[in-house]
């Protein structure tokens, strides 16, 4: 029950300032997260805030997780419980995250601060949401859990672009490199 998520980095010399990743597996569900925080606050602040977010996500109590919805709810709760001062000098104003959560019944995708979201099944890369979908929107830590895009058939991977970048994906090889992966 693997799931992979990727968030594009910024163009330039330091594309992944403030980027974080998490992967949580329980007996009943798997959650993957990719995001960025305090990227505009500098390398040190971005690094510190990203590690704090990763720690909060990896600290989720996984005992008794019922399904993907329960695990995703616990991930949002972990983020809501973080102090704003832990999210850098801008208190998480540029916070973006993409979650994909999977169990035996399907997959759910949620996030904040995203300008576009695509999924892959095999070699095909397809847009998952367009226009004014609730999954897309301004960056910043929300006060309530955003909605979930529910998929009956799981995807191999989910890619997202943070709102401050153009919602256009590069070619497949460039896409992997912009997500910090070697093709």
N, C-alpha and C. Protein backbone atom coordinates (compact mmCIF):
# COMPACT_ATOMS: atom_id res chain seq x y z
N UNK A 1 0.83 -1.19 0.00
CA UNK A 1 0.00 0.00 0.00
C UNK A 1 0.87 1.25 0.00
N UNK A 2 1.79 1.35 -0.92
CA UNK A 2 2.65 2.53 -0.99
C UNK A 2 1.94 3.68 -1.66
N UNK A 3 2.38 4.86 -1.34
CA UNK A 3 1.88 6.08 -1.97
C UNK A 3 3.04 7.06 -2.02
N UNK A 4 3.17 7.79 -3.12
CA UNK A 4 4.26 8.75 -3.27
C UNK A 4 3.70 10.12 -3.61
N UNK A 5 4.22 11.15 -2.96
CA UNK A 5 3.83 12.52 -3.27
C UNK A 5 5.09 13.35 -3.50
N UNK A 6 4.97 14.34 -4.38
CA UNK A 6 6.10 15.18 -4.73
C UNK A 6 5.63 16.61 -4.90
N UNK A 7 6.40 17.55 -4.35
CA UNK A 7 6.12 18.98 -4.49
C UNK A 7 7.28 19.61 -5.24
N UNK A 8 6.97 20.32 -6.30
CA UNK A 8 8.03 20.96 -7.09
C UNK A 8 8.79 21.98 -6.25
N UNK A 9 10.10 21.99 -6.45
CA UNK A 9 10.94 22.99 -5.82
C UNK A 9 10.99 24.24 -6.67
N UNK A 10 11.52 25.30 -6.10
CA UNK A 10 11.65 26.57 -6.81
C UNK A 10 12.75 26.48 -7.87
N UNK A 11 12.63 27.24 -8.93
CA UNK A 11 13.76 27.31 -9.86
C UNK A 11 14.91 28.06 -9.20
N UNK A 12 16.12 27.78 -9.59
CA UNK A 12 17.26 28.50 -9.02
C UNK A 12 18.21 27.59 -8.29
N UNK A 13 19.14 28.23 -7.59
CA UNK A 13 20.22 27.50 -6.91
C UNK A 13 19.79 26.71 -5.69
N UNK A 14 18.79 27.16 -4.99
CA UNK A 14 18.35 26.49 -3.75
C UNK A 14 16.86 26.15 -3.85
N UNK A 15 16.53 25.14 -4.63
CA UNK A 15 15.12 24.86 -4.90
C UNK A 15 14.32 24.29 -3.73
N UNK A 16 14.99 23.74 -2.72
CA UNK A 16 14.25 23.02 -1.69
C UNK A 16 14.39 23.62 -0.30
N UNK A 17 14.62 24.91 -0.20
CA UNK A 17 14.64 25.57 1.10
C UNK A 17 13.26 25.43 1.74
N UNK A 18 13.23 24.93 2.95
CA UNK A 18 11.97 24.78 3.68
C UNK A 18 11.13 23.57 3.28
N UNK A 19 11.67 22.70 2.43
CA UNK A 19 10.88 21.53 2.02
C UNK A 19 10.94 20.44 3.08
N UNK A 20 9.84 19.73 3.23
CA UNK A 20 9.76 18.62 4.16
C UNK A 20 9.02 17.46 3.50
N UNK A 21 9.26 16.27 4.03
CA UNK A 21 8.61 15.06 3.56
C UNK A 21 8.31 14.18 4.77
N UNK A 22 7.27 13.37 4.64
CA UNK A 22 6.95 12.41 5.69
C UNK A 22 6.26 11.21 5.05
N UNK A 23 6.49 10.06 5.61
CA UNK A 23 5.84 8.83 5.16
C UNK A 23 5.48 8.03 6.41
N UNK A 24 4.19 7.75 6.57
CA UNK A 24 3.71 7.07 7.76
C UNK A 24 2.91 5.86 7.33
N UNK A 25 3.28 4.71 7.84
CA UNK A 25 2.60 3.47 7.47
C UNK A 25 2.06 2.80 8.72
N UNK A 26 0.78 2.44 8.67
CA UNK A 26 0.16 1.69 9.76
C UNK A 26 -0.35 0.37 9.19
N UNK A 27 -0.95 -0.44 10.03
CA UNK A 27 -1.50 -1.70 9.54
C UNK A 27 -2.66 -1.49 8.58
N UNK A 28 -3.38 -0.36 8.71
CA UNK A 28 -4.57 -0.16 7.90
C UNK A 28 -4.46 0.96 6.86
N UNK A 29 -3.46 1.82 6.93
CA UNK A 29 -3.37 2.94 5.99
C UNK A 29 -1.94 3.45 5.89
N UNK A 30 -1.67 4.15 4.80
CA UNK A 30 -0.37 4.76 4.56
C UNK A 30 -0.60 6.22 4.17
N UNK A 31 0.23 7.11 4.71
CA UNK A 31 0.14 8.53 4.40
C UNK A 31 1.51 9.02 3.95
N UNK A 32 1.52 9.82 2.89
CA UNK A 32 2.73 10.48 2.44
C UNK A 32 2.45 11.97 2.38
N UNK A 33 3.46 12.77 2.74
CA UNK A 33 3.33 14.22 2.73
C UNK A 33 4.56 14.84 2.10
N UNK A 34 4.35 15.91 1.37
CA UNK A 34 5.44 16.73 0.85
C UNK A 34 4.97 18.17 0.95
N UNK A 35 5.87 19.05 1.41
CA UNK A 35 5.46 20.43 1.57
C UNK A 35 6.64 21.36 1.73
N UNK A 36 6.31 22.62 2.01
CA UNK A 36 7.34 23.62 2.24
C UNK A 36 6.82 24.62 3.26
N UNK A 37 7.76 25.16 4.03
CA UNK A 37 7.42 26.13 5.06
C UNK A 37 8.63 27.03 5.28
N UNK A 38 8.38 28.27 5.55
CA UNK A 38 9.43 29.25 5.86
C UNK A 38 10.49 29.34 4.76
N UNK A 39 10.12 29.02 3.54
CA UNK A 39 11.07 29.06 2.43
C UNK A 39 11.54 30.48 2.14
N UNK A 40 10.70 31.45 2.40
CA UNK A 40 11.06 32.84 2.15
C UNK A 40 11.79 33.47 3.33
N UNK A 41 11.91 32.72 4.42
CA UNK A 41 12.53 33.24 5.64
C UNK A 41 14.02 32.93 5.72
N UNK A 42 14.58 32.29 4.70
CA UNK A 42 16.00 31.99 4.69
C UNK A 42 16.29 30.52 4.93
N UNK A 43 17.53 30.16 4.65
CA UNK A 43 17.94 28.76 4.73
C UNK A 43 17.80 28.19 6.14
N UNK A 44 18.30 28.90 7.13
CA UNK A 44 18.28 28.37 8.50
C UNK A 44 16.85 28.26 9.00
N UNK A 45 16.07 29.32 8.87
CA UNK A 45 14.68 29.27 9.34
C UNK A 45 13.88 28.22 8.59
N UNK A 46 14.09 28.13 7.27
CA UNK A 46 13.39 27.14 6.47
C UNK A 46 13.73 25.73 6.88
N UNK A 47 15.02 25.48 7.13
CA UNK A 47 15.46 24.15 7.55
C UNK A 47 14.85 23.79 8.90
N UNK A 48 14.94 24.71 9.85
CA UNK A 48 14.43 24.43 11.20
C UNK A 48 12.93 24.18 11.18
N UNK A 49 12.18 25.02 10.49
CA UNK A 49 10.72 24.86 10.44
C UNK A 49 10.34 23.55 9.75
N UNK A 50 11.04 23.20 8.67
CA UNK A 50 10.73 21.96 7.96
C UNK A 50 10.97 20.74 8.85
N UNK A 51 12.05 20.75 9.63
CA UNK A 51 12.33 19.62 10.51
C UNK A 51 11.27 19.53 11.62
N UNK A 52 10.78 20.67 12.10
CA UNK A 52 9.74 20.66 13.13
C UNK A 52 8.45 20.08 12.56
N UNK A 53 8.10 20.44 11.33
CA UNK A 53 6.90 19.88 10.70
C UNK A 53 7.07 18.37 10.52
N UNK A 54 8.22 17.94 10.03
CA UNK A 54 8.46 16.50 9.88
C UNK A 54 8.33 15.78 11.22
N UNK A 55 8.89 16.37 12.27
CA UNK A 55 8.79 15.77 13.59
C UNK A 55 7.36 15.65 14.06
N UNK A 56 6.56 16.68 13.80
CA UNK A 56 5.15 16.65 14.20
C UNK A 56 4.41 15.54 13.44
N UNK A 57 4.67 15.42 12.16
CA UNK A 57 3.99 14.39 11.37
C UNK A 57 4.45 12.99 11.76
N UNK A 58 5.75 12.81 11.96
CA UNK A 58 6.25 11.49 12.36
C UNK A 58 5.87 11.15 13.80
N UNK A 59 5.45 12.14 14.57
CA UNK A 59 5.03 11.92 15.95
C UNK A 59 3.55 11.58 16.08
N UNK A 60 2.86 11.46 14.98
CA UNK A 60 1.43 11.10 15.03
C UNK A 60 1.27 9.76 15.74
N UNK A 61 0.31 9.70 16.63
CA UNK A 61 0.00 8.44 17.30
C UNK A 61 -0.72 7.54 16.29
N UNK A 62 -0.08 6.44 15.92
CA UNK A 62 -0.63 5.57 14.88
C UNK A 62 -1.39 4.37 15.42
N UNK A 63 -1.32 4.13 16.70
CA UNK A 63 -2.05 3.00 17.29
C UNK A 63 -3.54 3.23 17.11
N UNK A 64 -4.23 2.23 16.62
CA UNK A 64 -5.68 2.32 16.48
C UNK A 64 -6.17 3.07 15.26
N UNK A 65 -5.29 3.38 14.31
CA UNK A 65 -5.75 4.04 13.08
C UNK A 65 -6.75 3.13 12.39
N UNK A 66 -7.91 3.68 12.06
CA UNK A 66 -8.99 2.89 11.47
C UNK A 66 -8.86 2.78 9.96
N UNK A 67 -8.65 3.93 9.30
CA UNK A 67 -8.59 3.96 7.85
C UNK A 67 -7.85 5.21 7.40
N UNK A 68 -7.83 5.48 6.09
CA UNK A 68 -7.11 6.62 5.54
C UNK A 68 -7.66 7.95 6.05
N UNK A 69 -8.95 8.01 6.25
CA UNK A 69 -9.56 9.26 6.73
C UNK A 69 -9.09 9.58 8.15
N UNK A 70 -9.02 8.56 8.98
CA UNK A 70 -8.55 8.72 10.36
C UNK A 70 -7.09 9.16 10.38
N UNK A 71 -6.23 8.53 9.57
CA UNK A 71 -4.81 8.89 9.53
C UNK A 71 -4.63 10.31 9.01
N UNK A 72 -5.38 10.69 8.00
CA UNK A 72 -5.30 12.06 7.47
C UNK A 72 -5.78 13.08 8.51
N UNK A 73 -6.82 12.77 9.22
CA UNK A 73 -7.32 13.66 10.28
C UNK A 73 -6.25 13.85 11.36
N UNK A 74 -5.54 12.78 11.71
CA UNK A 74 -4.47 12.87 12.70
C UNK A 74 -3.31 13.73 12.19
N UNK A 75 -3.02 13.66 10.89
CA UNK A 75 -1.96 14.49 10.32
C UNK A 75 -2.33 15.97 10.40
N UNK A 76 -3.55 16.31 10.04
CA UNK A 76 -3.98 17.72 10.14
C UNK A 76 -3.94 18.18 11.60
N UNK A 77 -4.39 17.34 12.50
CA UNK A 77 -4.38 17.70 13.93
C UNK A 77 -2.96 17.98 14.40
N UNK A 78 -2.00 17.17 13.96
CA UNK A 78 -0.59 17.40 14.34
C UNK A 78 -0.12 18.76 13.86
N UNK A 79 -0.55 19.16 12.68
CA UNK A 79 -0.16 20.48 12.17
C UNK A 79 -0.85 21.60 12.94
N UNK A 80 -2.13 21.42 13.26
CA UNK A 80 -2.87 22.44 14.00
C UNK A 80 -2.30 22.65 15.41
N UNK A 81 -1.72 21.59 15.97
CA UNK A 81 -1.18 21.67 17.33
C UNK A 81 0.19 22.35 17.39
N UNK A 82 0.81 22.63 16.26
CA UNK A 82 2.13 23.27 16.24
C UNK A 82 1.98 24.77 16.55
N UNK A 83 2.95 25.30 17.25
CA UNK A 83 2.97 26.74 17.55
C UNK A 83 3.38 27.50 16.29
N UNK A 84 2.73 28.62 16.03
CA UNK A 84 3.04 29.44 14.85
C UNK A 84 4.50 29.85 14.82
N UNK A 85 5.09 30.10 15.98
CA UNK A 85 6.49 30.52 16.04
C UNK A 85 7.44 29.41 15.57
N UNK A 86 7.00 28.15 15.57
CA UNK A 86 7.82 27.04 15.07
C UNK A 86 7.86 26.99 13.55
N UNK A 87 7.02 27.77 12.90
CA UNK A 87 6.91 27.75 11.45
C UNK A 87 7.68 28.89 10.80
N UNK A 88 8.68 29.42 11.49
CA UNK A 88 9.53 30.47 10.94
C UNK A 88 9.03 31.86 11.29
N UNK A 89 9.82 32.89 10.95
CA UNK A 89 9.46 34.27 11.27
C UNK A 89 8.11 34.71 10.68
N UNK A 90 7.72 34.11 9.55
CA UNK A 90 6.44 34.49 8.95
C UNK A 90 5.28 33.63 9.48
N UNK A 91 5.54 32.83 10.51
CA UNK A 91 4.53 32.04 11.21
C UNK A 91 3.73 31.13 10.29
N UNK A 92 4.39 30.60 9.26
CA UNK A 92 3.72 29.66 8.35
C UNK A 92 2.88 30.29 7.27
N UNK A 93 3.07 31.58 7.01
CA UNK A 93 2.27 32.26 5.99
C UNK A 93 2.48 31.65 4.60
N UNK A 94 3.65 31.04 4.36
CA UNK A 94 3.91 30.43 3.05
C UNK A 94 3.79 28.90 3.10
N UNK A 95 3.12 28.37 4.10
CA UNK A 95 2.99 26.93 4.29
C UNK A 95 2.19 26.29 3.16
N UNK A 96 2.77 25.26 2.56
CA UNK A 96 2.09 24.44 1.54
C UNK A 96 2.33 22.99 1.89
N UNK A 97 1.31 22.16 1.70
CA UNK A 97 1.47 20.73 1.95
C UNK A 97 0.55 19.95 1.02
N UNK A 98 1.03 18.80 0.58
CA UNK A 98 0.25 17.84 -0.19
C UNK A 98 0.27 16.53 0.58
N UNK A 99 -0.93 16.01 0.88
CA UNK A 99 -1.07 14.72 1.54
C UNK A 99 -1.73 13.75 0.57
N UNK A 100 -1.26 12.53 0.56
CA UNK A 100 -1.96 11.43 -0.11
C UNK A 100 -2.03 10.30 0.90
N UNK A 101 -3.21 9.78 1.09
CA UNK A 101 -3.44 8.74 2.09
C UNK A 101 -4.19 7.60 1.43
N UNK A 102 -3.73 6.39 1.70
CA UNK A 102 -4.27 5.22 1.01
C UNK A 102 -4.56 4.10 2.00
N UNK A 103 -5.65 3.41 1.74
CA UNK A 103 -5.96 2.19 2.47
C UNK A 103 -6.51 1.18 1.48
N UNK A 104 -7.04 0.06 1.96
CA UNK A 104 -7.55 -0.98 1.08
C UNK A 104 -8.77 -0.59 0.27
N UNK A 105 -9.42 0.51 0.65
CA UNK A 105 -10.65 0.94 -0.03
C UNK A 105 -10.42 2.03 -1.07
N UNK A 106 -9.26 2.70 -1.06
CA UNK A 106 -9.03 3.77 -2.02
C UNK A 106 -7.98 4.74 -1.54
N UNK A 107 -8.06 5.94 -2.06
CA UNK A 107 -7.03 6.96 -1.80
C UNK A 107 -7.69 8.32 -1.60
N UNK A 108 -7.10 9.11 -0.71
CA UNK A 108 -7.56 10.47 -0.49
C UNK A 108 -6.40 11.44 -0.65
N UNK A 109 -6.67 12.58 -1.27
CA UNK A 109 -5.65 13.60 -1.48
C UNK A 109 -6.17 14.89 -0.87
N UNK A 110 -5.31 15.53 -0.08
CA UNK A 110 -5.68 16.80 0.56
C UNK A 110 -4.46 17.69 0.58
N UNK A 111 -4.68 18.98 0.77
CA UNK A 111 -3.55 19.88 0.85
C UNK A 111 -3.98 21.32 0.98
N UNK A 112 -2.97 22.17 1.02
CA UNK A 112 -3.18 23.62 1.13
C UNK A 112 -2.00 24.30 0.44
N UNK A 113 -2.25 25.47 -0.13
CA UNK A 113 -1.18 26.23 -0.76
C UNK A 113 -0.72 25.64 -2.08
N UNK A 114 -1.62 24.99 -2.79
CA UNK A 114 -1.27 24.32 -4.03
C UNK A 114 -1.88 25.04 -5.23
N UNK A 115 -1.10 25.14 -6.31
CA UNK A 115 -1.58 25.78 -7.53
C UNK A 115 -2.01 24.79 -8.58
N UNK A 116 -1.64 23.53 -8.42
CA UNK A 116 -2.02 22.49 -9.36
C UNK A 116 -1.64 21.14 -8.80
N UNK A 117 -2.44 20.11 -9.12
CA UNK A 117 -2.19 18.76 -8.63
C UNK A 117 -2.43 17.78 -9.78
N UNK A 118 -1.47 16.87 -9.97
CA UNK A 118 -1.52 15.87 -11.03
C UNK A 118 -1.26 14.51 -10.43
N UNK A 119 -1.75 13.48 -11.09
CA UNK A 119 -1.50 12.11 -10.64
C UNK A 119 -1.00 11.25 -11.77
N UNK A 120 -0.28 10.19 -11.41
CA UNK A 120 0.20 9.24 -12.41
C UNK A 120 -0.35 7.86 -12.11
N UNK A 121 -0.73 7.20 -13.16
CA UNK A 121 -1.07 5.79 -13.13
C UNK A 121 -0.32 5.21 -14.31
N UNK A 122 0.76 4.49 -14.02
CA UNK A 122 1.65 4.05 -15.10
C UNK A 122 2.44 5.25 -15.60
N UNK A 123 2.51 5.41 -16.90
CA UNK A 123 3.28 6.51 -17.49
C UNK A 123 2.45 7.77 -17.71
N UNK A 124 1.15 7.67 -17.55
CA UNK A 124 0.26 8.80 -17.83
C UNK A 124 0.22 9.79 -16.66
N UNK A 125 0.39 11.07 -16.98
CA UNK A 125 0.31 12.14 -15.99
C UNK A 125 -0.95 12.95 -16.31
N UNK A 126 -1.90 12.94 -15.40
CA UNK A 126 -3.20 13.58 -15.62
C UNK A 126 -3.50 14.60 -14.53
N UNK A 127 -4.10 15.75 -14.92
CA UNK A 127 -4.51 16.70 -13.88
C UNK A 127 -5.63 16.10 -13.03
N UNK A 128 -5.54 16.32 -11.73
CA UNK A 128 -6.57 15.81 -10.82
C UNK A 128 -7.61 16.86 -10.50
N UNK A 129 -7.20 18.11 -10.44
CA UNK A 129 -8.12 19.20 -10.14
C UNK A 129 -7.79 20.40 -11.03
N UNK A 130 -8.80 21.19 -11.30
CA UNK A 130 -8.60 22.39 -12.11
C UNK A 130 -9.54 23.48 -11.60
N UNK A 131 -9.27 24.69 -12.02
CA UNK A 131 -10.14 25.82 -11.69
C UNK A 131 -10.13 26.18 -10.23
N UNK A 132 -11.30 26.35 -9.67
CA UNK A 132 -11.40 26.81 -8.29
C UNK A 132 -11.69 25.66 -7.33
N UNK A 133 -11.08 24.54 -7.57
CA UNK A 133 -11.27 23.37 -6.69
C UNK A 133 -10.74 23.69 -5.29
N UNK A 134 -11.40 23.22 -4.24
CA UNK A 134 -10.96 23.50 -2.86
C UNK A 134 -9.55 23.01 -2.53
N UNK A 135 -9.03 22.03 -3.27
CA UNK A 135 -7.68 21.54 -3.03
C UNK A 135 -6.64 22.60 -3.40
N UNK A 136 -7.05 23.51 -4.27
CA UNK A 136 -6.15 24.58 -4.71
C UNK A 136 -6.45 25.83 -3.90
N UNK A 137 -5.43 26.59 -3.57
CA UNK A 137 -5.69 27.81 -2.82
C UNK A 137 -4.45 28.39 -2.21
N UNK A 138 -4.65 29.45 -1.48
CA UNK A 138 -3.55 30.20 -0.88
C UNK A 138 -2.79 29.40 0.16
N UNK A 139 -1.54 29.76 0.29
CA UNK A 139 -0.67 29.13 1.28
C UNK A 139 -1.02 29.62 2.69
N UNK A 140 -0.58 28.87 3.68
CA UNK A 140 -0.80 29.21 5.08
C UNK A 140 -1.45 28.04 5.80
N UNK A 141 -1.18 27.91 7.08
CA UNK A 141 -1.76 26.82 7.85
C UNK A 141 -3.25 27.10 8.03
N UNK A 142 -4.10 26.16 7.59
CA UNK A 142 -5.54 26.39 7.74
C UNK A 142 -5.98 26.25 9.19
N UNK A 143 -7.15 26.76 9.49
CA UNK A 143 -7.69 26.66 10.85
C UNK A 143 -8.56 25.42 11.01
N UNK A 144 -9.06 24.88 9.90
CA UNK A 144 -9.81 23.63 9.92
C UNK A 144 -9.28 22.74 8.79
N UNK A 145 -9.50 21.47 8.92
CA UNK A 145 -9.00 20.53 7.92
C UNK A 145 -9.70 20.75 6.58
N UNK A 146 -8.91 20.93 5.53
CA UNK A 146 -9.51 21.08 4.20
C UNK A 146 -10.18 19.77 3.77
N UNK A 147 -10.98 19.87 2.74
CA UNK A 147 -11.66 18.68 2.21
C UNK A 147 -10.67 17.70 1.59
N UNK A 148 -11.18 16.56 1.21
CA UNK A 148 -10.37 15.49 0.65
C UNK A 148 -10.92 15.12 -0.72
N UNK A 149 -10.02 15.01 -1.69
CA UNK A 149 -10.37 14.48 -3.00
C UNK A 149 -10.25 12.97 -2.88
N UNK A 150 -11.36 12.26 -3.01
CA UNK A 150 -11.38 10.82 -2.82
C UNK A 150 -11.32 10.12 -4.17
N UNK A 151 -10.41 9.15 -4.27
CA UNK A 151 -10.25 8.36 -5.48
C UNK A 151 -10.49 6.90 -5.16
N UNK A 152 -11.30 6.23 -5.96
CA UNK A 152 -11.54 4.80 -5.74
C UNK A 152 -10.36 3.96 -6.19
N UNK A 153 -9.69 4.39 -7.28
CA UNK A 153 -8.53 3.67 -7.80
C UNK A 153 -7.27 4.44 -7.40
N UNK A 154 -6.38 3.83 -6.62
CA UNK A 154 -5.16 4.53 -6.19
C UNK A 154 -4.25 4.89 -7.36
N UNK A 155 -3.51 5.96 -7.18
CA UNK A 155 -2.52 6.41 -8.15
C UNK A 155 -1.15 5.91 -7.74
N UNK A 156 -0.21 5.90 -8.68
CA UNK A 156 1.17 5.54 -8.37
C UNK A 156 1.87 6.69 -7.66
N UNK A 157 1.60 7.92 -8.12
CA UNK A 157 2.26 9.10 -7.53
C UNK A 157 1.37 10.32 -7.74
N UNK A 158 1.55 11.30 -6.86
CA UNK A 158 0.83 12.58 -6.96
C UNK A 158 1.88 13.68 -6.95
N UNK A 159 1.75 14.64 -7.87
CA UNK A 159 2.65 15.77 -8.00
C UNK A 159 1.86 17.05 -7.78
N UNK A 160 2.49 18.04 -7.14
CA UNK A 160 1.82 19.33 -6.94
C UNK A 160 2.81 20.47 -7.14
N UNK A 161 2.25 21.62 -7.46
CA UNK A 161 3.00 22.85 -7.61
C UNK A 161 2.50 23.82 -6.54
N UNK A 162 3.39 24.42 -5.74
CA UNK A 162 2.92 25.39 -4.75
C UNK A 162 2.35 26.63 -5.45
N UNK A 163 1.48 27.34 -4.77
CA UNK A 163 0.76 28.46 -5.39
C UNK A 163 1.66 29.56 -5.94
N UNK A 164 2.84 29.74 -5.39
CA UNK A 164 3.68 30.85 -5.87
C UNK A 164 4.35 30.55 -7.21
N UNK A 165 4.24 29.31 -7.70
CA UNK A 165 4.80 28.94 -9.00
C UNK A 165 3.68 28.82 -10.04
N UNK A 166 4.04 28.93 -11.31
CA UNK A 166 3.06 28.73 -12.38
C UNK A 166 2.52 27.30 -12.30
N UNK A 167 1.21 27.11 -12.44
CA UNK A 167 0.65 25.76 -12.34
C UNK A 167 0.84 24.96 -13.63
N UNK A 168 2.10 24.80 -14.03
CA UNK A 168 2.44 24.06 -15.23
C UNK A 168 3.57 23.10 -14.87
N UNK A 169 3.44 21.86 -15.31
CA UNK A 169 4.48 20.88 -15.03
C UNK A 169 5.48 20.83 -16.18
N UNK A 170 6.76 20.66 -15.86
CA UNK A 170 7.77 20.47 -16.91
C UNK A 170 7.68 19.06 -17.50
N UNK A 171 8.53 18.75 -18.47
CA UNK A 171 8.56 17.41 -19.06
C UNK A 171 8.85 16.37 -17.97
N UNK A 172 8.60 15.11 -18.25
CA UNK A 172 8.71 14.04 -17.26
C UNK A 172 10.09 14.01 -16.56
N UNK A 173 11.19 14.04 -17.33
CA UNK A 173 12.52 14.01 -16.71
C UNK A 173 12.79 15.27 -15.89
N UNK A 174 12.42 16.42 -16.43
CA UNK A 174 12.61 17.67 -15.70
C UNK A 174 11.71 17.71 -14.46
N UNK A 175 10.54 17.12 -14.56
CA UNK A 175 9.62 17.07 -13.43
C UNK A 175 10.24 16.33 -12.26
N UNK A 176 10.81 15.17 -12.52
CA UNK A 176 11.44 14.40 -11.45
C UNK A 176 12.59 15.19 -10.81
N UNK A 177 13.41 15.85 -11.63
CA UNK A 177 14.52 16.64 -11.10
C UNK A 177 14.01 17.82 -10.27
N UNK A 178 12.92 18.46 -10.71
CA UNK A 178 12.36 19.60 -9.97
C UNK A 178 11.71 19.17 -8.66
N UNK A 179 11.48 17.86 -8.51
CA UNK A 179 10.94 17.32 -7.26
C UNK A 179 12.06 16.72 -6.40
N UNK A 180 13.31 16.84 -6.85
CA UNK A 180 14.43 16.34 -6.07
C UNK A 180 14.73 14.87 -6.28
N UNK A 181 14.26 14.32 -7.39
CA UNK A 181 14.51 12.92 -7.67
C UNK A 181 15.43 12.80 -8.89
N UNK A 182 16.21 11.76 -8.92
CA UNK A 182 17.06 11.50 -10.07
C UNK A 182 16.32 10.56 -11.02
N UNK A 183 16.11 11.01 -12.28
CA UNK A 183 15.36 10.17 -13.23
C UNK A 183 16.11 8.90 -13.59
